[in-house]
N, C-alpha and C. Protein backbone atom coordinates (compact mmCIF):
# COMPACT_ATOMS: atom_id res chain seq x y z
N MET A 1 -32.82 -12.46 -18.06
CA MET A 1 -31.74 -12.48 -18.53
C MET A 1 -31.00 -12.79 -17.44
N GLU A 2 -30.41 -13.81 -17.46
CA GLU A 2 -29.34 -14.25 -16.30
C GLU A 2 -28.30 -13.63 -16.01
N ARG A 3 -27.95 -13.37 -14.59
CA ARG A 3 -26.94 -13.29 -14.31
C ARG A 3 -25.44 -13.52 -14.46
N MET A 4 -24.05 -13.23 -14.93
CA MET A 4 -23.24 -13.80 -15.26
C MET A 4 -22.85 -14.67 -13.82
N LYS A 5 -22.22 -15.65 -13.54
CA LYS A 5 -21.29 -16.37 -12.58
C LYS A 5 -19.75 -16.33 -12.72
N ILE A 6 -19.82 -15.80 -11.41
CA ILE A 6 -18.46 -15.73 -11.23
C ILE A 6 -17.46 -17.42 -10.75
N ASN A 7 -16.83 -17.55 -11.71
CA ASN A 7 -15.89 -18.83 -10.84
C ASN A 7 -14.85 -18.12 -9.89
N LEU A 8 -14.79 -18.49 -8.71
CA LEU A 8 -14.09 -17.81 -7.32
C LEU A 8 -12.32 -18.44 -7.59
N ASP A 9 -12.82 -19.92 -7.73
CA ASP A 9 -11.61 -20.76 -7.81
C ASP A 9 -10.78 -19.99 -8.89
N LYS A 10 -11.00 -20.11 -10.37
CA LYS A 10 -10.40 -19.46 -11.25
C LYS A 10 -10.12 -18.19 -11.24
N LEU A 11 -10.58 -17.22 -10.41
CA LEU A 11 -10.36 -15.73 -9.82
C LEU A 11 -9.35 -15.87 -9.19
N ASN A 12 -9.20 -16.76 -8.10
CA ASN A 12 -8.20 -16.21 -7.10
C ASN A 12 -6.86 -16.93 -7.69
N LYS A 13 -7.05 -18.14 -8.45
CA LYS A 13 -5.42 -18.17 -9.25
C LYS A 13 -4.73 -17.58 -10.13
N GLU A 14 -5.95 -16.51 -10.82
CA GLU A 14 -5.30 -15.87 -12.11
C GLU A 14 -4.96 -14.43 -11.25
N THR A 15 -5.12 -14.12 -9.98
CA THR A 15 -5.42 -12.81 -9.43
C THR A 15 -4.28 -12.57 -8.57
N HIS A 16 -3.43 -11.87 -8.12
CA HIS A 16 -2.36 -11.79 -6.79
C HIS A 16 -2.65 -10.74 -5.87
N SER A 17 -2.41 -10.85 -4.79
CA SER A 17 -2.71 -9.90 -3.72
C SER A 17 -1.25 -9.25 -3.73
N ALA A 18 -1.54 -7.89 -2.86
CA ALA A 18 -0.66 -7.05 -3.09
C ALA A 18 0.46 -7.47 -2.23
N ASN A 19 0.22 -8.63 -0.97
CA ASN A 19 1.00 -9.40 -0.04
C ASN A 19 1.72 -10.54 -1.15
N ALA A 20 1.15 -10.40 -2.13
CA ALA A 20 2.03 -11.70 -2.70
C ALA A 20 2.69 -11.24 -3.68
N TYR A 21 2.93 -9.83 -4.17
CA TYR A 21 3.68 -9.49 -4.71
C TYR A 21 5.08 -8.78 -3.27
N LEU A 22 4.67 -7.88 -2.69
CA LEU A 22 5.70 -7.70 -1.79
C LEU A 22 6.17 -9.06 -1.14
N ASP A 23 5.82 -10.45 -0.98
CA ASP A 23 6.37 -11.16 -0.80
C ASP A 23 7.73 -11.36 -1.48
N GLN A 24 6.88 -11.39 -3.14
CA GLN A 24 8.12 -11.83 -3.78
C GLN A 24 9.21 -10.76 -4.14
N LYS A 25 8.83 -9.37 -3.97
CA LYS A 25 9.75 -8.19 -4.12
C LYS A 25 10.72 -8.07 -2.84
N PHE A 26 10.08 -8.15 -1.76
CA PHE A 26 11.30 -8.05 -0.57
C PHE A 26 11.05 -9.12 0.43
N GLY A 27 10.50 -10.52 0.29
CA GLY A 27 10.24 -11.40 0.92
C GLY A 27 8.80 -11.30 2.05
N LYS A 28 9.10 -12.52 2.51
CA LYS A 28 7.98 -12.82 3.42
C LYS A 28 7.90 -11.76 4.94
N GLN A 29 6.99 -11.75 5.36
CA GLN A 29 6.57 -10.40 6.25
C GLN A 29 7.54 -11.52 7.84
N GLY A 30 8.43 -10.53 8.21
CA GLY A 30 9.36 -10.76 8.79
C GLY A 30 10.80 -11.37 8.85
N THR A 31 11.23 -10.93 7.48
CA THR A 31 12.35 -11.22 7.37
C THR A 31 13.05 -9.59 7.56
N PRO A 32 14.24 -9.93 7.63
CA PRO A 32 14.96 -8.44 7.54
C PRO A 32 15.09 -7.44 6.14
N THR A 33 14.55 -7.79 4.98
CA THR A 33 14.20 -7.08 4.01
C THR A 33 12.86 -6.53 4.17
N ARG A 34 12.22 -7.58 4.59
CA ARG A 34 10.57 -6.74 4.26
C ARG A 34 10.43 -5.87 5.60
N GLU A 35 10.83 -5.88 7.04
CA GLU A 35 10.80 -5.20 7.81
C GLU A 35 11.18 -4.12 7.53
N GLU A 36 12.65 -4.09 6.97
CA GLU A 36 12.86 -2.36 6.64
C GLU A 36 12.00 -1.97 5.46
N PHE A 37 11.56 -2.35 4.78
CA PHE A 37 10.68 -2.24 3.69
C PHE A 37 9.64 -1.19 4.10
N SER A 38 8.99 -2.20 5.39
CA SER A 38 7.99 -1.45 6.20
C SER A 38 8.04 -0.41 6.50
N ALA A 39 9.28 -0.15 7.27
CA ALA A 39 9.70 0.95 8.09
C ALA A 39 10.12 1.74 7.30
N LYS A 40 10.34 1.61 5.99
CA LYS A 40 10.82 2.93 5.01
C LYS A 40 9.19 3.34 4.50
N ALA A 41 8.18 2.28 4.14
CA ALA A 41 6.92 2.93 3.84
C ALA A 41 6.02 3.90 5.03
N LEU A 42 6.26 3.06 6.44
CA LEU A 42 5.25 3.43 7.18
C LEU A 42 6.05 5.65 7.39
N SER A 43 7.47 5.07 6.95
CA SER A 43 8.17 6.40 7.71
C SER A 43 7.52 7.34 6.64
N PHE A 44 7.57 7.47 5.08
CA PHE A 44 7.11 7.83 3.99
C PHE A 44 5.41 8.36 4.59
N TYR A 45 4.87 7.35 4.80
CA TYR A 45 3.62 8.04 4.87
C TYR A 45 2.93 8.65 6.10
N TYR A 46 3.69 8.61 6.88
CA TYR A 46 3.50 9.37 8.01
C TYR A 46 4.15 10.81 7.73
N GLY A 47 5.23 10.72 6.84
CA GLY A 47 5.85 12.17 6.40
C GLY A 47 4.89 12.93 5.39
N GLU A 48 4.18 12.20 4.39
CA GLU A 48 3.04 12.77 3.67
C GLU A 48 2.12 13.21 4.40
N LEU A 49 1.32 12.69 5.63
CA LEU A 49 0.50 12.64 6.25
C LEU A 49 0.57 14.39 7.37
N VAL A 50 2.04 14.39 7.81
CA VAL A 50 2.30 15.66 8.48
C VAL A 50 2.73 16.80 7.48
N LYS A 51 3.14 16.79 6.07
CA LYS A 51 2.84 17.60 5.38
C LYS A 51 1.57 18.45 4.78
N LYS A 52 0.75 17.84 4.57
CA LYS A 52 -0.24 18.25 4.40
C LYS A 52 -0.76 19.57 5.27
N PRO A 53 -1.00 19.49 6.37
CA PRO A 53 -1.42 20.44 7.08
C PRO A 53 -0.45 21.70 7.56
N GLU A 54 0.99 21.38 7.38
CA GLU A 54 2.15 22.23 6.76
C GLU A 54 2.11 22.88 6.29
N GLU A 55 1.33 22.62 4.51
CA GLU A 55 1.26 23.16 3.34
C GLU A 55 -0.12 23.95 3.54
N LYS A 56 -1.03 23.54 4.23
CA LYS A 56 -2.40 24.47 4.42
C LYS A 56 -1.78 25.40 5.11
N LEU A 57 -1.13 25.45 6.40
CA LEU A 57 -0.62 26.42 7.09
C LEU A 57 0.23 27.59 6.28
N ASN A 58 1.05 27.03 5.93
CA ASN A 58 2.03 28.21 5.54
C ASN A 58 1.09 28.65 4.08
N LYS A 59 0.32 28.23 3.69
CA LYS A 59 -0.82 29.04 2.53
C LYS A 59 -1.21 30.01 3.13
N LYS A 60 -2.08 29.69 4.41
CA LYS A 60 -2.66 31.01 5.36
C LYS A 60 -1.69 32.20 5.79
N ASN A 61 -0.46 31.23 5.89
CA ASN A 61 0.50 32.60 6.82
C ASN A 61 0.84 33.95 5.53
N SER A 62 1.11 32.97 4.75
CA SER A 62 1.56 33.82 3.56
C SER A 62 0.70 35.08 2.87
N LEU A 63 -0.90 34.70 3.13
CA LEU A 63 -2.05 35.55 2.60
C LEU A 63 -1.66 37.07 3.58
């Protein structure tokens, strides 16, 4: 049984990257709109990282 061959050129043309989506929605990297989005995204990310240990700590203290 032969393995199916993947056409990488076709695959690259038909798939889109996250950066291509963000470029379309918020502009290219370095533009003010994209920089504002990136700052908000990082702020959300770090907020979620901090929230998880706090939730665990609050559960321990309530016992």
